[in-house]
Amino acid sequence: MPSSAVDDLGSAKQTLFEGGLTLAVAKNGKILFKSRSHGVSDMLAMIDELGTQADGASLADSVVGRAAALLCVYSRVIAVYGARMSEGAAAILRARGICYESGTLVPRILNREKNDICPFDRAVLGTEDPSVALEKLKAVRLG
């Protein structure tokens, strides 16, 4: 990982933790986006707001499941930190050559009631194409 990406990932992580945030995105030494939303909604908002600016950025998120990992691939993010990351997310990031770190690695991300898989991750089960995942996740957000 280039040293600028290491610095940006460190900056995104610091911003995430110090700001009590759920998502922080850094690139070229600047914070481009931050959010306190829960679920994948903050990543969808980041994609809407930043567009191609996320290409080459580093992202720190409180929770990274398969859905979030596919959105990172779609956004062309080059480094990801998940305070909690699913094994499926790690596999996607690894397969796409995206550098990643996790605080806690878990088998899967659960819903808020902790009785089933996260609805966003459920929506992208079996999906490997980031563009298809984006459309499915937008539909879940609206539904």
N, C-alpha and C. Protein backbone atom coordinates (compact mmCIF):
# COMPACT_ATOMS: atom_id res chain seq x y z
N MET A 1 0.86 -1.18 0.00
CA MET A 1 0.00 0.00 0.00
C MET A 1 0.90 1.23 0.00
N PRO A 2 0.63 2.18 -0.90
CA PRO A 2 1.44 3.41 -0.93
C PRO A 2 1.36 4.15 0.40
N SER A 3 2.44 4.87 0.74
CA SER A 3 2.47 5.56 2.04
C SER A 3 1.36 6.59 2.16
N SER A 4 0.95 7.21 1.05
CA SER A 4 -0.15 8.18 1.13
C SER A 4 -1.45 7.48 1.53
N ALA A 5 -1.65 6.25 1.05
CA ALA A 5 -2.85 5.49 1.43
C ALA A 5 -2.79 5.10 2.90
N VAL A 6 -1.60 4.75 3.37
CA VAL A 6 -1.43 4.42 4.80
C VAL A 6 -1.78 5.64 5.64
N ASP A 7 -1.27 6.80 5.24
CA ASP A 7 -1.55 8.04 5.96
C ASP A 7 -3.05 8.36 5.92
N ASP A 8 -3.65 8.21 4.75
CA ASP A 8 -5.08 8.50 4.61
C ASP A 8 -5.93 7.54 5.43
N LEU A 9 -5.56 6.27 5.46
CA LEU A 9 -6.32 5.31 6.26
C LEU A 9 -6.19 5.66 7.74
N GLY A 10 -5.00 6.03 8.17
CA GLY A 10 -4.80 6.45 9.56
C GLY A 10 -5.64 7.68 9.89
N SER A 11 -5.69 8.62 8.97
CA SER A 11 -6.47 9.84 9.15
C SER A 11 -7.97 9.52 9.22
N ALA A 12 -8.43 8.63 8.33
CA ALA A 12 -9.84 8.24 8.33
C ALA A 12 -10.20 7.52 9.64
N LYS A 13 -9.31 6.64 10.10
CA LYS A 13 -9.57 5.92 11.37
C LYS A 13 -9.63 6.90 12.54
N GLN A 14 -8.67 7.81 12.59
CA GLN A 14 -8.63 8.79 13.68
C GLN A 14 -9.90 9.63 13.68
N THR A 15 -10.33 10.08 12.50
CA THR A 15 -11.55 10.88 12.39
C THR A 15 -12.77 10.07 12.82
N LEU A 16 -12.81 8.80 12.42
CA LEU A 16 -13.92 7.92 12.80
C LEU A 16 -14.05 7.84 14.32
N PHE A 17 -12.94 7.54 14.98
CA PHE A 17 -12.97 7.32 16.42
C PHE A 17 -13.13 8.62 17.21
N GLU A 18 -12.38 9.65 16.85
CA GLU A 18 -12.43 10.90 17.61
C GLU A 18 -13.74 11.64 17.42
N GLY A 19 -14.36 11.46 16.26
CA GLY A 19 -15.60 12.18 15.97
C GLY A 19 -16.86 11.42 16.34
N GLY A 20 -16.71 10.20 16.87
CA GLY A 20 -17.88 9.39 17.18
C GLY A 20 -18.71 9.11 15.94
N LEU A 21 -18.03 8.89 14.82
CA LEU A 21 -18.69 8.73 13.53
C LEU A 21 -18.91 7.26 13.20
N THR A 22 -19.64 7.02 12.11
CA THR A 22 -19.81 5.66 11.60
C THR A 22 -19.04 5.48 10.30
N LEU A 23 -18.64 6.58 9.64
CA LEU A 23 -17.92 6.50 8.37
C LEU A 23 -17.05 7.75 8.19
N ALA A 24 -15.82 7.53 7.73
CA ALA A 24 -14.93 8.63 7.37
C ALA A 24 -14.13 8.22 6.14
N VAL A 25 -13.99 9.14 5.20
CA VAL A 25 -13.26 8.88 3.95
C VAL A 25 -12.19 9.96 3.79
N ALA A 26 -10.95 9.51 3.55
CA ALA A 26 -9.83 10.44 3.40
C ALA A 26 -9.09 10.18 2.10
N LYS A 27 -8.56 11.27 1.53
CA LYS A 27 -7.74 11.15 0.31
C LYS A 27 -6.81 12.35 0.24
N ASN A 28 -5.56 12.08 -0.08
CA ASN A 28 -4.56 13.14 -0.23
C ASN A 28 -4.49 14.04 1.01
N GLY A 29 -4.59 13.41 2.19
CA GLY A 29 -4.46 14.15 3.43
C GLY A 29 -5.67 14.94 3.87
N LYS A 30 -6.79 14.80 3.15
CA LYS A 30 -8.01 15.54 3.49
C LYS A 30 -9.15 14.58 3.77
N ILE A 31 -10.02 14.96 4.71
CA ILE A 31 -11.25 14.19 4.95
C ILE A 31 -12.27 14.66 3.92
N LEU A 32 -12.71 13.73 3.08
CA LEU A 32 -13.66 14.07 2.02
C LEU A 32 -15.11 13.91 2.45
N PHE A 33 -15.35 12.98 3.39
CA PHE A 33 -16.73 12.67 3.77
C PHE A 33 -16.73 12.07 5.16
N LYS A 34 -17.75 12.41 5.94
CA LYS A 34 -17.95 11.77 7.24
C LYS A 34 -19.43 11.70 7.54
N SER A 35 -19.79 10.69 8.33
CA SER A 35 -21.21 10.47 8.61
C SER A 35 -21.40 9.79 9.96
N ARG A 36 -22.61 9.97 10.50
CA ARG A 36 -23.03 9.29 11.72
C ARG A 36 -24.23 8.38 11.46
N SER A 37 -24.58 8.17 10.20
CA SER A 37 -25.73 7.30 9.86
C SER A 37 -25.37 5.85 10.11
N HIS A 38 -26.40 5.03 10.25
CA HIS A 38 -26.18 3.60 10.47
C HIS A 38 -26.59 2.82 9.23
N GLY A 39 -26.05 1.62 9.13
CA GLY A 39 -26.34 0.80 7.96
C GLY A 39 -25.53 1.27 6.77
N VAL A 40 -25.94 0.85 5.61
CA VAL A 40 -25.21 1.16 4.38
C VAL A 40 -25.63 2.52 3.83
N SER A 41 -26.62 3.15 4.43
CA SER A 41 -27.11 4.44 3.95
C SER A 41 -26.00 5.48 3.86
N ASP A 42 -25.08 5.48 4.82
CA ASP A 42 -24.00 6.47 4.78
C ASP A 42 -23.07 6.23 3.59
N MET A 43 -22.84 4.97 3.25
CA MET A 43 -21.99 4.69 2.08
C MET A 43 -22.69 5.07 0.79
N LEU A 44 -24.00 4.86 0.72
CA LEU A 44 -24.75 5.28 -0.47
C LEU A 44 -24.73 6.80 -0.61
N ALA A 45 -24.84 7.50 0.52
CA ALA A 45 -24.76 8.97 0.50
C ALA A 45 -23.36 9.42 0.07
N MET A 46 -22.34 8.71 0.53
CA MET A 46 -20.96 9.03 0.15
C MET A 46 -20.78 8.87 -1.36
N ILE A 47 -21.32 7.79 -1.92
CA ILE A 47 -21.22 7.56 -3.37
C ILE A 47 -21.93 8.67 -4.13
N ASP A 48 -23.12 9.05 -3.66
CA ASP A 48 -23.87 10.13 -4.31
C ASP A 48 -23.11 11.45 -4.26
N GLU A 49 -22.51 11.75 -3.09
CA GLU A 49 -21.85 13.03 -2.91
C GLU A 49 -20.48 13.11 -3.58
N LEU A 50 -19.69 12.05 -3.45
CA LEU A 50 -18.31 12.11 -3.94
C LEU A 50 -18.14 11.65 -5.38
N GLY A 51 -18.98 10.73 -5.81
CA GLY A 51 -18.81 10.20 -7.17
C GLY A 51 -17.40 9.66 -7.37
N THR A 52 -16.73 10.11 -8.43
CA THR A 52 -15.40 9.59 -8.75
C THR A 52 -14.30 10.12 -7.82
N GLN A 53 -14.61 11.09 -6.97
CA GLN A 53 -13.61 11.58 -6.01
C GLN A 53 -13.16 10.50 -5.04
N ALA A 54 -14.00 9.47 -4.84
CA ALA A 54 -13.65 8.39 -3.91
C ALA A 54 -12.58 7.47 -4.50
N ASP A 55 -12.37 7.54 -5.79
CA ASP A 55 -11.36 6.72 -6.46
C ASP A 55 -9.99 7.00 -5.83
N GLY A 56 -9.37 5.97 -5.24
CA GLY A 56 -8.06 6.13 -4.62
C GLY A 56 -8.11 6.58 -3.17
N ALA A 57 -9.31 6.71 -2.61
CA ALA A 57 -9.44 7.16 -1.22
C ALA A 57 -9.30 5.99 -0.24
N SER A 58 -9.19 6.32 1.02
CA SER A 58 -9.18 5.34 2.12
C SER A 58 -10.42 5.57 2.97
N LEU A 59 -11.01 4.48 3.45
CA LEU A 59 -12.29 4.55 4.13
C LEU A 59 -12.22 3.83 5.46
N ALA A 60 -12.77 4.44 6.50
CA ALA A 60 -12.90 3.80 7.81
C ALA A 60 -14.38 3.78 8.17
N ASP A 61 -14.88 2.60 8.54
CA ASP A 61 -16.30 2.42 8.82
C ASP A 61 -16.45 1.63 10.11
N SER A 62 -17.51 1.91 10.83
CA SER A 62 -17.74 1.19 12.08
C SER A 62 -18.10 -0.27 11.82
N VAL A 63 -18.80 -0.54 10.71
CA VAL A 63 -19.21 -1.91 10.37
C VAL A 63 -19.03 -2.11 8.86
N VAL A 64 -18.29 -3.16 8.49
CA VAL A 64 -18.09 -3.48 7.07
C VAL A 64 -18.52 -4.92 6.82
N GLY A 65 -19.67 -5.05 6.18
CA GLY A 65 -20.15 -6.36 5.75
C GLY A 65 -19.94 -6.49 4.25
N ARG A 66 -20.51 -7.55 3.66
CA ARG A 66 -20.37 -7.78 2.21
C ARG A 66 -20.90 -6.59 1.42
N ALA A 67 -22.04 -6.05 1.83
CA ALA A 67 -22.64 -4.93 1.11
C ALA A 67 -21.68 -3.74 1.08
N ALA A 68 -21.14 -3.38 2.21
CA ALA A 68 -20.20 -2.25 2.29
C ALA A 68 -18.94 -2.54 1.49
N ALA A 69 -18.45 -3.78 1.54
CA ALA A 69 -17.24 -4.13 0.79
C ALA A 69 -17.48 -3.98 -0.72
N LEU A 70 -18.64 -4.42 -1.19
CA LEU A 70 -18.96 -4.28 -2.61
C LEU A 70 -19.06 -2.81 -3.01
N LEU A 71 -19.58 -1.97 -2.11
CA LEU A 71 -19.65 -0.53 -2.40
C LEU A 71 -18.25 0.09 -2.41
N CYS A 72 -17.35 -0.42 -1.58
CA CYS A 72 -15.96 0.04 -1.62
C CYS A 72 -15.31 -0.30 -2.96
N VAL A 73 -15.58 -1.51 -3.46
CA VAL A 73 -15.06 -1.91 -4.77
C VAL A 73 -15.64 -0.99 -5.84
N TYR A 74 -16.95 -0.76 -5.78
CA TYR A 74 -17.61 0.11 -6.75
C TYR A 74 -16.97 1.50 -6.75
N SER A 75 -16.67 2.02 -5.58
CA SER A 75 -16.13 3.38 -5.42
C SER A 75 -14.64 3.47 -5.72
N ARG A 76 -14.01 2.33 -5.92
CA ARG A 76 -12.57 2.27 -6.21
C ARG A 76 -11.72 2.77 -5.05
N VAL A 77 -12.21 2.51 -3.84
CA VAL A 77 -11.46 2.81 -2.62
C VAL A 77 -10.25 1.87 -2.58
N ILE A 78 -9.11 2.33 -2.10
CA ILE A 78 -7.91 1.48 -2.12
C ILE A 78 -7.53 0.91 -0.76
N ALA A 79 -8.13 1.42 0.32
CA ALA A 79 -7.83 0.91 1.65
C ALA A 79 -9.07 1.06 2.53
N VAL A 80 -9.34 0.03 3.33
CA VAL A 80 -10.55 0.00 4.15
C VAL A 80 -10.20 -0.46 5.56
N TYR A 81 -10.77 0.24 6.54
CA TYR A 81 -10.72 -0.21 7.93
C TYR A 81 -12.15 -0.42 8.39
N GLY A 82 -12.41 -1.56 8.99
CA GLY A 82 -13.70 -1.82 9.60
C GLY A 82 -13.51 -2.12 11.07
N ALA A 83 -14.12 -1.33 11.94
CA ALA A 83 -14.03 -1.61 13.37
C ALA A 83 -14.57 -3.01 13.64
N ARG A 84 -15.65 -3.36 12.91
CA ARG A 84 -16.17 -4.73 12.89
C ARG A 84 -16.34 -5.09 11.42
N MET A 85 -15.74 -6.20 11.01
CA MET A 85 -15.78 -6.60 9.60
C MET A 85 -16.16 -8.07 9.51
N SER A 86 -16.99 -8.38 8.51
CA SER A 86 -17.37 -9.79 8.33
C SER A 86 -16.30 -10.50 7.50
N GLU A 87 -16.25 -11.81 7.67
CA GLU A 87 -15.32 -12.63 6.90
C GLU A 87 -15.62 -12.51 5.40
N GLY A 88 -16.89 -12.39 5.05
CA GLY A 88 -17.27 -12.22 3.65
C GLY A 88 -16.75 -10.92 3.07
N ALA A 89 -16.80 -9.86 3.86
CA ALA A 89 -16.28 -8.57 3.42
C ALA A 89 -14.77 -8.66 3.21
N ALA A 90 -14.08 -9.27 4.16
CA ALA A 90 -12.62 -9.42 4.04
C ALA A 90 -12.28 -10.21 2.78
N ALA A 91 -13.04 -11.24 2.47
CA ALA A 91 -12.78 -12.06 1.27
C ALA A 91 -12.96 -11.23 0.00
N ILE A 92 -13.99 -10.39 -0.05
CA ILE A 92 -14.22 -9.54 -1.22
C ILE A 92 -13.07 -8.56 -1.39
N LEU A 93 -12.69 -7.89 -0.31
CA LEU A 93 -11.61 -6.90 -0.38
C LEU A 93 -10.30 -7.57 -0.79
N ARG A 94 -10.01 -8.72 -0.20
CA ARG A 94 -8.78 -9.45 -0.51
C ARG A 94 -8.76 -9.85 -2.00
N ALA A 95 -9.88 -10.38 -2.48
CA ALA A 95 -9.96 -10.84 -3.88
C ALA A 95 -9.78 -9.68 -4.87
N ARG A 96 -10.19 -8.48 -4.48
CA ARG A 96 -10.08 -7.31 -5.37
C ARG A 96 -8.80 -6.52 -5.15
N GLY A 97 -7.93 -7.01 -4.27
CA GLY A 97 -6.64 -6.34 -4.05
C GLY A 97 -6.74 -5.06 -3.26
N ILE A 98 -7.80 -4.91 -2.47
CA ILE A 98 -7.98 -3.72 -1.64
C ILE A 98 -7.37 -4.01 -0.27
N CYS A 99 -6.47 -3.15 0.17
CA CYS A 99 -5.86 -3.32 1.49
C CYS A 99 -6.92 -3.10 2.55
N TYR A 100 -6.91 -3.91 3.59
CA TYR A 100 -7.91 -3.75 4.64
C TYR A 100 -7.35 -4.12 5.99
N GLU A 101 -7.97 -3.55 7.01
CA GLU A 101 -7.69 -3.85 8.41
C GLU A 101 -9.02 -3.96 9.12
N SER A 102 -9.05 -4.77 10.17
CA SER A 102 -10.28 -4.83 10.96
C SER A 102 -9.95 -4.84 12.44
N GLY A 103 -10.87 -4.26 13.21
CA GLY A 103 -10.74 -4.34 14.65
C GLY A 103 -11.17 -5.73 15.09
N THR A 104 -12.41 -6.09 14.79
CA THR A 104 -12.96 -7.40 15.11
C THR A 104 -13.46 -8.04 13.83
N LEU A 105 -13.02 -9.26 13.56
CA LEU A 105 -13.48 -10.02 12.41
C LEU A 105 -14.56 -10.99 12.88
N VAL A 106 -15.74 -10.91 12.26
CA VAL A 106 -16.88 -11.74 12.67
C VAL A 106 -17.36 -12.58 11.48
N PRO A 107 -18.04 -13.70 11.74
CA PRO A 107 -18.52 -14.53 10.63
C PRO A 107 -19.48 -13.79 9.71
N ARG A 108 -20.39 -12.99 10.29
CA ARG A 108 -21.35 -12.23 9.48
C ARG A 108 -21.84 -11.04 10.29
N ILE A 109 -22.38 -10.07 9.57
CA ILE A 109 -22.97 -8.89 10.22
C ILE A 109 -24.45 -9.20 10.44
N LEU A 110 -24.90 -8.97 11.65
CA LEU A 110 -26.30 -9.26 12.00
C LEU A 110 -27.16 -8.00 11.98
N ASN A 111 -28.47 -8.21 11.94
CA ASN A 111 -29.41 -7.08 12.00
C ASN A 111 -29.41 -6.50 13.41
N ARG A 112 -30.16 -5.45 13.61
CA ARG A 112 -30.17 -4.77 14.93
C ARG A 112 -30.70 -5.65 16.05
N GLU A 113 -31.62 -6.57 15.71
CA GLU A 113 -32.17 -7.48 16.73
C GLU A 113 -31.24 -8.65 17.01
N LYS A 114 -30.18 -8.77 16.21
CA LYS A 114 -29.18 -9.85 16.35
C LYS A 114 -29.77 -11.24 16.15
N ASN A 115 -30.86 -11.33 15.34
CA ASN A 115 -31.49 -12.63 15.13
C ASN A 115 -31.45 -13.09 13.68
N ASP A 116 -30.79 -12.32 12.82
CA ASP A 116 -30.70 -12.68 11.40
C ASP A 116 -29.59 -11.85 10.76
N ILE A 117 -29.23 -12.19 9.55
CA ILE A 117 -28.21 -11.46 8.81
C ILE A 117 -28.70 -10.03 8.52
N CYS A 118 -27.78 -9.10 8.46
CA CYS A 118 -28.08 -7.70 8.12
C CYS A 118 -28.88 -7.65 6.82
N PRO A 119 -29.95 -6.84 6.76
CA PRO A 119 -30.77 -6.80 5.54
C PRO A 119 -29.99 -6.33 4.30
N PHE A 120 -29.01 -5.47 4.48
CA PHE A 120 -28.20 -5.03 3.34
C PHE A 120 -27.33 -6.17 2.82
N ASP A 121 -26.73 -6.93 3.74
CA ASP A 121 -25.93 -8.08 3.31
C ASP A 121 -26.82 -9.15 2.69
N ARG A 122 -28.03 -9.33 3.22
CA ARG A 122 -28.97 -10.29 2.64
C ARG A 122 -29.29 -9.90 1.19
N ALA A 123 -29.45 -8.62 0.94
CA ALA A 123 -29.80 -8.13 -0.40
C ALA A 123 -28.73 -8.45 -1.44
N VAL A 124 -27.47 -8.59 -1.00
CA VAL A 124 -26.40 -8.84 -1.96
C VAL A 124 -25.83 -10.26 -1.88
N LEU A 125 -26.54 -11.15 -1.19
CA LEU A 125 -26.09 -12.55 -1.14
C LEU A 125 -25.95 -13.07 -2.56
N GLY A 126 -24.83 -13.69 -2.87
CA GLY A 126 -24.60 -14.24 -4.20
C GLY A 126 -24.21 -13.22 -5.24
N THR A 127 -24.18 -11.94 -4.88
CA THR A 127 -23.82 -10.87 -5.83
C THR A 127 -22.32 -10.61 -5.73
N GLU A 128 -21.66 -10.63 -6.87
CA GLU A 128 -20.23 -10.31 -6.91
C GLU A 128 -19.97 -9.02 -7.68
N ASP A 129 -20.92 -8.59 -8.50
CA ASP A 129 -20.77 -7.40 -9.33
C ASP A 129 -21.12 -6.16 -8.51
N PRO A 130 -20.16 -5.25 -8.29
CA PRO A 130 -20.41 -4.06 -7.48
C PRO A 130 -21.53 -3.17 -8.02
N SER A 131 -21.67 -3.06 -9.33
CA SER A 131 -22.73 -2.22 -9.91
C SER A 131 -24.11 -2.80 -9.63
N VAL A 132 -24.22 -4.12 -9.72
CA VAL A 132 -25.48 -4.80 -9.39
C VAL A 132 -25.78 -4.62 -7.91
N ALA A 133 -24.75 -4.77 -7.08
CA ALA A 133 -24.92 -4.59 -5.63
C ALA A 133 -25.43 -3.18 -5.32
N LEU A 134 -24.87 -2.17 -5.98
CA LEU A 134 -25.29 -0.79 -5.75
C LEU A 134 -26.79 -0.64 -6.03
N GLU A 135 -27.26 -1.16 -7.14
CA GLU A 135 -28.68 -1.04 -7.49
C GLU A 135 -29.56 -1.79 -6.49
N LYS A 136 -29.14 -2.97 -6.07
CA LYS A 136 -29.92 -3.73 -5.07
C LYS A 136 -29.98 -2.98 -3.75
N LEU A 137 -28.88 -2.38 -3.35
CA LEU A 137 -28.82 -1.67 -2.06
C LEU A 137 -29.64 -0.39 -2.10
N LYS A 138 -29.64 0.30 -3.24
CA LYS A 138 -30.50 1.49 -3.37
C LYS A 138 -31.97 1.09 -3.23
N ALA A 139 -32.33 -0.05 -3.81
CA ALA A 139 -33.72 -0.52 -3.71
C ALA A 139 -34.09 -0.86 -2.28
N VAL A 140 -33.17 -1.48 -1.53
CA VAL A 140 -33.43 -1.81 -0.11
C VAL A 140 -33.59 -0.55 0.70
N ARG A 141 -32.75 0.44 0.43
CA ARG A 141 -32.80 1.72 1.17
C ARG A 141 -34.15 2.39 0.94
N LEU A 142 -34.66 2.34 -0.29
CA LEU A 142 -35.93 2.97 -0.60
C LEU A 142 -37.12 2.15 -0.12
N GLY A 143 -36.93 0.81 -0.06
CA GLY A 143 -38.03 -0.09 0.29
C GLY A 143 -38.37 0.00 1.71
